Amino acid sequence: KVVSNVRDLVHPPVDEVYRAVAVEGKEADPGTGDAL
């Protein structure tokens, strides 16, 4: 229901906050040296 909810598209509701979380990479496998 896009048209009837256009307000939520233009102004996202602040009570629904979805936050980005950094994804950390892992170092190489100590046994093989291959990237994990």
ModelCIF file with pLDDT and N, C-alpha, C, O atoms, coordinates in Angstrom:
data_MODEL
#
_entry.id   MODEL 
#
_entity.id                         1 
_entity.type                       polymer 
_entity.pdbx_number_of_molecules   1 
#
_entity_poly.entity_id                      1 
_entity_poly.type                           'polypeptide(L)' 
_entity_poly.nstd_linkage                   no 
_entity_poly.nstd_monomer                   no 
_entity_poly.pdbx_seq_one_letter_code       KVVSNVRDLVHPPVDEVYRAVAVEGKEADPGTGDAL 
_entity_poly.pdbx_seq_one_letter_code_can   KVVSNVRDLVHPPVDEVYRAVAVEGKEADPGTGDAL 
_entity_poly.pdbx_strand_id                 A 
#
loop_
_entity_poly_seq.entity_id 
_entity_poly_seq.num 
_entity_poly_seq.mon_id 
_entity_poly_seq.hetero 
1 1  LYS n 
1 2  VAL n 
1 3  VAL n 
1 4  SER n 
1 5  ASN n 
1 6  VAL n 
1 7  ARG n 
1 8  ASP n 
1 9  LEU n 
1 10 VAL n 
1 11 HIS n 
1 12 PRO n 
1 13 PRO n 
1 14 VAL n 
1 15 ASP n 
1 16 GLU n 
1 17 VAL n 
1 18 TYR n 
1 19 ARG n 
1 20 ALA n 
1 21 VAL n 
1 22 ALA n 
1 23 VAL n 
1 24 GLU n 
1 25 GLY n 
1 26 LYS n 
1 27 GLU n 
1 28 ALA n 
1 29 ASP n 
1 30 PRO n 
1 31 GLY n 
1 32 THR n 
1 33 GLY n 
1 34 ASP n 
1 35 ALA n 
1 36 LEU n 
#
_struct_asym.id          A 
_struct_asym.entity_id   1 
#
loop_
_ma_qa_metric.id 
_ma_qa_metric.mode 
_ma_qa_metric.name 
_ma_qa_metric.software_group_id 
_ma_qa_metric.type 
1 global pLDDT . pLDDT 
2 local  pLDDT . pLDDT 
#
_ma_qa_metric_global.metric_id      1 
_ma_qa_metric_global.metric_value   81.03 
_ma_qa_metric_global.model_id       1 
_ma_qa_metric_global.ordinal_id     1 
#
loop_
_ma_qa_metric_local.label_asym_id 
_ma_qa_metric_local.label_comp_id 
_ma_qa_metric_local.label_seq_id 
_ma_qa_metric_local.metric_id 
_ma_qa_metric_local.metric_value 
_ma_qa_metric_local.model_id 
_ma_qa_metric_local.ordinal_id 
A LYS 1  2 83.00 1 1  
A VAL 2  2 83.00 1 2  
A VAL 3  2 85.00 1 3  
A SER 4  2 86.00 1 4  
A ASN 5  2 88.00 1 5  
A VAL 6  2 90.00 1 6  
A ARG 7  2 93.00 1 7  
A ASP 8  2 93.00 1 8  
A LEU 9  2 90.00 1 9  
A VAL 10 2 91.00 1 10 
A HIS 11 2 92.00 1 11 
A PRO 12 2 91.00 1 12 
A PRO 13 2 89.00 1 13 
A VAL 14 2 83.00 1 14 
A ASP 15 2 80.00 1 15 
A GLU 16 2 80.00 1 16 
A VAL 17 2 82.00 1 17 
A TYR 18 2 89.00 1 18 
A ARG 19 2 92.00 1 19 
A ALA 20 2 92.00 1 20 
A VAL 21 2 91.00 1 21 
A ALA 22 2 90.00 1 22 
A VAL 23 2 85.00 1 23 
A GLU 24 2 76.00 1 24 
A GLY 25 2 66.00 1 25 
A LYS 26 2 63.00 1 26 
A GLU 27 2 65.00 1 27 
A ALA 28 2 65.00 1 28 
A ASP 29 2 68.00 1 29 
A PRO 30 2 67.00 1 30 
A GLY 31 2 71.00 1 31 
A THR 32 2 73.00 1 32 
A GLY 33 2 67.00 1 33 
A ASP 34 2 74.00 1 34 
A ALA 35 2 72.00 1 35 
A LEU 36 2 72.00 1 36 
#
loop_
_atom_site.group_PDB 
_atom_site.id 
_atom_site.type_symbol 
_atom_site.label_atom_id 
_atom_site.label_alt_id 
_atom_site.label_comp_id 
_atom_site.label_asym_id 
_atom_site.label_entity_id 
_atom_site.label_seq_id 
_atom_site.pdbx_PDB_ins_code 
_atom_site.Cartn_x 
_atom_site.Cartn_y 
_atom_site.Cartn_z 
_atom_site.occupancy 
_atom_site.B_iso_or_equiv 
_atom_site.pdbx_formal_charge 
_atom_site.auth_seq_id 
_atom_site.auth_comp_id 
_atom_site.auth_asym_id 
_atom_site.auth_atom_id 
_atom_site.pdbx_PDB_model_num 
ATOM 1   N N  . LYS A 1 1  ? 0.846  -1.198  0.000  1.00 83.00 ? 1  LYS A N  1 
ATOM 2   C CA . LYS A 1 1  ? 0.000  0.000   0.000  1.00 83.00 ? 1  LYS A CA 1 
ATOM 3   C C  . LYS A 1 1  ? 0.886  1.254   0.000  1.00 83.00 ? 1  LYS A C  1 
ATOM 4   O O  . LYS A 1 1  ? 1.068  1.901   1.031  1.00 83.00 ? 1  LYS A O  1 
ATOM 5   N N  . VAL A 1 2  ? 1.429  1.579   -1.172 1.00 83.00 ? 2  VAL A N  1 
ATOM 6   C CA . VAL A 1 2  ? 2.372  2.684   -1.289 1.00 83.00 ? 2  VAL A CA 1 
ATOM 7   C C  . VAL A 1 2  ? 1.672  4.032   -1.150 1.00 83.00 ? 2  VAL A C  1 
ATOM 8   O O  . VAL A 1 2  ? 2.065  4.850   -0.318 1.00 83.00 ? 2  VAL A O  1 
ATOM 9   N N  . VAL A 1 3  ? 0.653  4.267   -1.945 1.00 85.00 ? 3  VAL A N  1 
ATOM 10  C CA . VAL A 1 3  ? 0.015  5.574   -1.982 1.00 85.00 ? 3  VAL A CA 1 
ATOM 11  C C  . VAL A 1 3  ? -0.571 5.964   -0.625 1.00 85.00 ? 3  VAL A C  1 
ATOM 12  O O  . VAL A 1 3  ? -0.409 7.100   -0.179 1.00 85.00 ? 3  VAL A O  1 
ATOM 13  N N  . SER A 1 4  ? -1.245 5.031   0.024  1.00 86.00 ? 4  SER A N  1 
ATOM 14  C CA . SER A 1 4  ? -1.869 5.364   1.309  1.00 86.00 ? 4  SER A CA 1 
ATOM 15  C C  . SER A 1 4  ? -0.852 5.524   2.435  1.00 86.00 ? 4  SER A C  1 
ATOM 16  O O  . SER A 1 4  ? -1.200 5.998   3.517  1.00 86.00 ? 4  SER A O  1 
ATOM 17  N N  . ASN A 1 5  ? 0.404  5.134   2.194  1.00 88.00 ? 5  ASN A N  1 
ATOM 18  C CA . ASN A 1 5  ? 1.446  5.256   3.219  1.00 88.00 ? 5  ASN A CA 1 
ATOM 19  C C  . ASN A 1 5  ? 2.612  6.121   2.756  1.00 88.00 ? 5  ASN A C  1 
ATOM 20  O O  . ASN A 1 5  ? 3.738  5.946   3.222  1.00 88.00 ? 5  ASN A O  1 
ATOM 21  N N  . VAL A 1 6  ? 2.352  7.041   1.854  1.00 90.00 ? 6  VAL A N  1 
ATOM 22  C CA . VAL A 1 6  ? 3.423  7.865   1.286  1.00 90.00 ? 6  VAL A CA 1 
ATOM 23  C C  . VAL A 1 6  ? 4.157  8.667   2.359  1.00 90.00 ? 6  VAL A C  1 
ATOM 24  O O  . VAL A 1 6  ? 5.352  8.929   2.217  1.00 90.00 ? 6  VAL A O  1 
ATOM 25  N N  . ARG A 1 7  ? 3.477  9.055   3.408  1.00 93.00 ? 7  ARG A N  1 
ATOM 26  C CA . ARG A 1 7  ? 4.129  9.812   4.484  1.00 93.00 ? 7  ARG A CA 1 
ATOM 27  C C  . ARG A 1 7  ? 5.296  9.015   5.083  1.00 93.00 ? 7  ARG A C  1 
ATOM 28  O O  . ARG A 1 7  ? 6.344  9.585   5.387  1.00 93.00 ? 7  ARG A O  1 
ATOM 29  N N  . ASP A 1 8  ? 5.117  7.710   5.249  1.00 93.00 ? 8  ASP A N  1 
ATOM 30  C CA . ASP A 1 8  ? 6.185  6.865   5.810  1.00 93.00 ? 8  ASP A CA 1 
ATOM 31  C C  . ASP A 1 8  ? 7.349  6.697   4.838  1.00 93.00 ? 8  ASP A C  1 
ATOM 32  O O  . ASP A 1 8  ? 8.470  6.408   5.257  1.00 93.00 ? 8  ASP A O  1 
ATOM 33  N N  . LEU A 1 9  ? 7.091  6.874   3.553  1.00 90.00 ? 9  LEU A N  1 
ATOM 34  C CA . LEU A 1 9  ? 8.160  6.784   2.569  1.00 90.00 ? 9  LEU A CA 1 
ATOM 35  C C  . LEU A 1 9  ? 8.985  8.066   2.535  1.00 90.00 ? 9  LEU A C  1 
ATOM 36  O O  . LEU A 1 9  ? 10.210 8.025   2.423  1.00 90.00 ? 9  LEU A O  1 
ATOM 37  N N  . VAL A 1 10 ? 8.310  9.186   2.631  1.00 91.00 ? 10 VAL A N  1 
ATOM 38  C CA . VAL A 1 10 ? 8.995  10.479  2.597  1.00 91.00 ? 10 VAL A CA 1 
ATOM 39  C C  . VAL A 1 10 ? 9.692  10.778  3.923  1.00 91.00 ? 10 VAL A C  1 
ATOM 40  O O  . VAL A 1 10 ? 10.822 11.265  3.950  1.00 91.00 ? 10 VAL A O  1 
ATOM 41  N N  . HIS A 1 11 ? 9.000  10.480  5.015  1.00 92.00 ? 11 HIS A N  1 
ATOM 42  C CA . HIS A 1 11 ? 9.541  10.732  6.355  1.00 92.00 ? 11 HIS A CA 1 
ATOM 43  C C  . HIS A 1 11 ? 9.530  9.417   7.133  1.00 92.00 ? 11 HIS A C  1 
ATOM 44  O O  . HIS A 1 11 ? 8.538  9.101   7.790  1.00 92.00 ? 11 HIS A O  1 
ATOM 45  N N  . PRO A 1 12 ? 10.618 8.645   7.069  1.00 91.00 ? 12 PRO A N  1 
ATOM 46  C CA . PRO A 1 12 ? 10.648 7.358   7.774  1.00 91.00 ? 12 PRO A CA 1 
ATOM 47  C C  . PRO A 1 12 ? 10.352 7.548   9.261  1.00 91.00 ? 12 PRO A C  1 
ATOM 48  O O  . PRO A 1 12 ? 10.873 8.476   9.880  1.00 91.00 ? 12 PRO A O  1 
ATOM 49  N N  . PRO A 1 13 ? 9.534  6.690   9.830  1.00 89.00 ? 13 PRO A N  1 
ATOM 50  C CA . PRO A 1 13 ? 9.207  6.817   11.248 1.00 89.00 ? 13 PRO A CA 1 
ATOM 51  C C  . PRO A 1 13 ? 10.450 6.663   12.124 1.00 89.00 ? 13 PRO A C  1 
ATOM 52  O O  . PRO A 1 13 ? 11.214 5.710   11.973 1.00 89.00 ? 13 PRO A O  1 
ATOM 53  N N  . VAL A 1 14 ? 10.638 7.607   13.037 1.00 83.00 ? 14 VAL A N  1 
ATOM 54  C CA . VAL A 1 14 ? 11.826 7.563   13.897 1.00 83.00 ? 14 VAL A CA 1 
ATOM 55  C C  . VAL A 1 14 ? 11.732 6.461   14.939 1.00 83.00 ? 14 VAL A C  1 
ATOM 56  O O  . VAL A 1 14 ? 12.752 6.060   15.500 1.00 83.00 ? 14 VAL A O  1 
ATOM 57  N N  . ASP A 1 15 ? 10.530 5.962   15.210 1.00 80.00 ? 15 ASP A N  1 
ATOM 58  C CA . ASP A 1 15 ? 10.400 4.871   16.186 1.00 80.00 ? 15 ASP A CA 1 
ATOM 59  C C  . ASP A 1 15 ? 10.842 3.535   15.590 1.00 80.00 ? 15 ASP A C  1 
ATOM 60  O O  . ASP A 1 15 ? 10.999 2.552   16.315 1.00 80.00 ? 15 ASP A O  1 
ATOM 61  N N  . GLU A 1 16 ? 11.042 3.499   14.272 1.00 80.00 ? 16 GLU A N  1 
ATOM 62  C CA . GLU A 1 16 ? 11.507 2.280   13.621 1.00 80.00 ? 16 GLU A CA 1 
ATOM 63  C C  . GLU A 1 16 ? 12.909 2.543   13.083 1.00 80.00 ? 16 GLU A C  1 
ATOM 64  O O  . GLU A 1 16 ? 13.093 2.803   11.894 1.00 80.00 ? 16 GLU A O  1 
ATOM 65  N N  . VAL A 1 17 ? 13.873 2.474   13.954 1.00 82.00 ? 17 VAL A N  1 
ATOM 66  C CA . VAL A 1 17 ? 15.247 2.771   13.575 1.00 82.00 ? 17 VAL A CA 1 
ATOM 67  C C  . VAL A 1 17 ? 16.015 1.469   13.394 1.00 82.00 ? 17 VAL A C  1 
ATOM 68  O O  . VAL A 1 17 ? 16.147 0.666   14.318 1.00 82.00 ? 17 VAL A O  1 
ATOM 69  N N  . TYR A 1 18 ? 16.505 1.288   12.202 1.00 89.00 ? 18 TYR A N  1 
ATOM 70  C CA . TYR A 1 18 ? 17.306 0.115   11.897 1.00 89.00 ? 18 TYR A CA 1 
ATOM 71  C C  . TYR A 1 18 ? 18.732 0.612   11.690 1.00 89.00 ? 18 TYR A C  1 
ATOM 72  O O  . TYR A 1 18 ? 19.000 1.368   10.756 1.00 89.00 ? 18 TYR A O  1 
ATOM 73  N N  . ARG A 1 19 ? 19.632 0.196   12.545 1.00 92.00 ? 19 ARG A N  1 
ATOM 74  C CA . ARG A 1 19 ? 21.000 0.696   12.533 1.00 92.00 ? 19 ARG A CA 1 
ATOM 75  C C  . ARG A 1 19 ? 21.955 -0.278  11.861 1.00 92.00 ? 19 ARG A C  1 
ATOM 76  O O  . ARG A 1 19 ? 21.895 -1.492  12.057 1.00 92.00 ? 19 ARG A O  1 
ATOM 77  N N  . ALA A 1 20 ? 22.837 0.306   11.063 1.00 92.00 ? 20 ALA A N  1 
ATOM 78  C CA . ALA A 1 20 ? 23.893 -0.481  10.438 1.00 92.00 ? 20 ALA A CA 1 
ATOM 79  C C  . ALA A 1 20 ? 24.906 -0.881  11.501 1.00 92.00 ? 20 ALA A C  1 
ATOM 80  O O  . ALA A 1 20 ? 25.224 -0.102  12.400 1.00 92.00 ? 20 ALA A O  1 
ATOM 81  N N  . VAL A 1 21 ? 25.404 -2.094  11.387 1.00 91.00 ? 21 VAL A N  1 
ATOM 82  C CA . VAL A 1 21 ? 26.418 -2.624  12.289 1.00 91.00 ? 21 VAL A CA 1 
ATOM 83  C C  . VAL A 1 21 ? 27.596 -3.060  11.423 1.00 91.00 ? 21 VAL A C  1 
ATOM 84  O O  . VAL A 1 21 ? 27.426 -3.786  10.444 1.00 91.00 ? 21 VAL A O  1 
ATOM 85  N N  . ALA A 1 22 ? 28.782 -2.611  11.793 1.00 90.00 ? 22 ALA A N  1 
ATOM 86  C CA . ALA A 1 22 ? 29.965 -2.977  11.016 1.00 90.00 ? 22 ALA A CA 1 
ATOM 87  C C  . ALA A 1 22 ? 30.202 -4.478  11.097 1.00 90.00 ? 22 ALA A C  1 
ATOM 88  O O  . ALA A 1 22 ? 30.013 -5.096  12.145 1.00 90.00 ? 22 ALA A O  1 
ATOM 89  N N  . VAL A 1 23 ? 30.613 -5.043  9.991  1.00 85.00 ? 23 VAL A N  1 
ATOM 90  C CA . VAL A 1 23 ? 30.965 -6.459  9.928  1.00 85.00 ? 23 VAL A CA 1 
ATOM 91  C C  . VAL A 1 23 ? 32.485 -6.518  9.834  1.00 85.00 ? 23 VAL A C  1 
ATOM 92  O O  . VAL A 1 23 ? 33.088 -6.027  8.880  1.00 85.00 ? 23 VAL A O  1 
ATOM 93  N N  . GLU A 1 24 ? 33.069 -7.115  10.821 1.00 76.00 ? 24 GLU A N  1 
ATOM 94  C CA . GLU A 1 24 ? 34.532 -7.203  10.869 1.00 76.00 ? 24 GLU A CA 1 
ATOM 95  C C  . GLU A 1 24 ? 35.012 -8.453  10.154 1.00 76.00 ? 24 GLU A C  1 
ATOM 96  O O  . GLU A 1 24 ? 34.453 -9.537  10.322 1.00 76.00 ? 24 GLU A O  1 
ATOM 97  N N  . GLY A 1 25 ? 36.054 -8.287  9.353  1.00 66.00 ? 25 GLY A N  1 
ATOM 98  C CA . GLY A 1 25 ? 36.660 -9.428  8.672  1.00 66.00 ? 25 GLY A CA 1 
ATOM 99  C C  . GLY A 1 25 ? 37.538 -10.208 9.626  1.00 66.00 ? 25 GLY A C  1 
ATOM 100 O O  . GLY A 1 25 ? 37.975 -9.675  10.646 1.00 66.00 ? 25 GLY A O  1 
ATOM 101 N N  . LYS A 1 26 ? 37.797 -11.455 9.308  1.00 63.00 ? 26 LYS A N  1 
ATOM 102 C CA . LYS A 1 26 ? 38.668 -12.305 10.132 1.00 63.00 ? 26 LYS A CA 1 
ATOM 103 C C  . LYS A 1 26 ? 40.025 -12.427 9.461  1.00 63.00 ? 26 LYS A C  1 
ATOM 104 O O  . LYS A 1 26 ? 40.148 -12.324 8.241  1.00 63.00 ? 26 LYS A O  1 
ATOM 105 N N  . GLU A 1 27 ? 41.008 -12.641 10.261 1.00 65.00 ? 27 GLU A N  1 
ATOM 106 C CA . GLU A 1 27 ? 42.368 -12.803 9.735  1.00 65.00 ? 27 GLU A CA 1 
ATOM 107 C C  . GLU A 1 27 ? 42.511 -14.184 9.099  1.00 65.00 ? 27 GLU A C  1 
ATOM 108 O O  . GLU A 1 27 ? 41.551 -14.951 9.027  1.00 65.00 ? 27 GLU A O  1 
ATOM 109 N N  . ALA A 1 28 ? 43.705 -14.480 8.649  1.00 65.00 ? 28 ALA A N  1 
ATOM 110 C CA . ALA A 1 28 ? 43.974 -15.752 7.991  1.00 65.00 ? 28 ALA A CA 1 
ATOM 111 C C  . ALA A 1 28 ? 43.987 -16.902 8.994  1.00 65.00 ? 28 ALA A C  1 
ATOM 112 O O  . ALA A 1 28 ? 44.298 -16.720 10.171 1.00 65.00 ? 28 ALA A O  1 
ATOM 113 N N  . ASP A 1 29 ? 43.642 -18.081 8.500  1.00 68.00 ? 29 ASP A N  1 
ATOM 114 C CA . ASP A 1 29 ? 43.687 -19.311 9.305  1.00 68.00 ? 29 ASP A CA 1 
ATOM 115 C C  . ASP A 1 29 ? 45.143 -19.587 9.682  1.00 68.00 ? 29 ASP A C  1 
ATOM 116 O O  . ASP A 1 29 ? 45.997 -19.692 8.801  1.00 68.00 ? 29 ASP A O  1 
ATOM 117 N N  . PRO A 1 30 ? 45.440 -19.708 10.995 1.00 67.00 ? 30 PRO A N  1 
ATOM 118 C CA . PRO A 1 30 ? 46.831 -19.903 11.408 1.00 67.00 ? 30 PRO A CA 1 
ATOM 119 C C  . PRO A 1 30 ? 47.451 -21.186 10.853 1.00 67.00 ? 30 PRO A C  1 
ATOM 120 O O  . PRO A 1 30 ? 48.660 -21.235 10.627 1.00 67.00 ? 30 PRO A O  1 
ATOM 121 N N  . GLY A 1 31 ? 46.654 -22.207 10.633 1.00 71.00 ? 31 GLY A N  1 
ATOM 122 C CA . GLY A 1 31 ? 47.195 -23.481 10.162 1.00 71.00 ? 31 GLY A CA 1 
ATOM 123 C C  . GLY A 1 31 ? 47.535 -23.480 8.689  1.00 71.00 ? 31 GLY A C  1 
ATOM 124 O O  . GLY A 1 31 ? 48.571 -24.009 8.286  1.00 71.00 ? 31 GLY A O  1 
ATOM 125 N N  . THR A 1 32 ? 46.657 -22.880 7.869  1.00 73.00 ? 32 THR A N  1 
ATOM 126 C CA . THR A 1 32 ? 46.852 -22.931 6.417  1.00 73.00 ? 32 THR A CA 1 
ATOM 127 C C  . THR A 1 32 ? 47.281 -21.595 5.815  1.00 73.00 ? 32 THR A C  1 
ATOM 128 O O  . THR A 1 32 ? 47.837 -21.548 4.717  1.00 73.00 ? 32 THR A O  1 
ATOM 129 N N  . GLY A 1 33 ? 47.018 -20.515 6.541  1.00 67.00 ? 33 GLY A N  1 
ATOM 130 C CA . GLY A 1 33 ? 47.320 -19.199 5.990  1.00 67.00 ? 33 GLY A CA 1 
ATOM 131 C C  . GLY A 1 33 ? 46.243 -18.685 5.052  1.00 67.00 ? 33 GLY A C  1 
ATOM 132 O O  . GLY A 1 33 ? 46.349 -17.578 4.524  1.00 67.00 ? 33 GLY A O  1 
ATOM 133 N N  . ASP A 1 34 ? 45.192 -19.496 4.840  1.00 74.00 ? 34 ASP A N  1 
ATOM 134 C CA . ASP A 1 34 ? 44.102 -19.083 3.960  1.00 74.00 ? 34 ASP A CA 1 
ATOM 135 C C  . ASP A 1 34 ? 43.249 -18.023 4.657  1.00 74.00 ? 34 ASP A C  1 
ATOM 136 O O  . ASP A 1 34 ? 43.084 -18.044 5.876  1.00 74.00 ? 34 ASP A O  1 
ATOM 137 N N  . ALA A 1 35 ? 42.716 -17.105 3.867  1.00 72.00 ? 35 ALA A N  1 
ATOM 138 C CA . ALA A 1 35 ? 41.836 -16.082 4.416  1.00 72.00 ? 35 ALA A CA 1 
ATOM 139 C C  . ALA A 1 35 ? 40.543 -16.734 4.905  1.00 72.00 ? 35 ALA A C  1 
ATOM 140 O O  . ALA A 1 35 ? 40.019 -17.644 4.263  1.00 72.00 ? 35 ALA A O  1 
ATOM 141 N N  . LEU A 1 36 ? 40.037 -16.266 6.036  1.00 72.00 ? 36 LEU A N  1 
ATOM 142 C CA . LEU A 1 36 ? 38.797 -16.792 6.598  1.00 72.00 ? 36 LEU A CA 1 
ATOM 143 C C  . LEU A 1 36 ? 37.638 -15.868 6.219  1.00 72.00 ? 36 LEU A C  1 
ATOM 144 O O  . LEU A 1 36 ? 36.494 -16.127 6.593  1.00 72.00 ? 36 LEU A O  1 
#
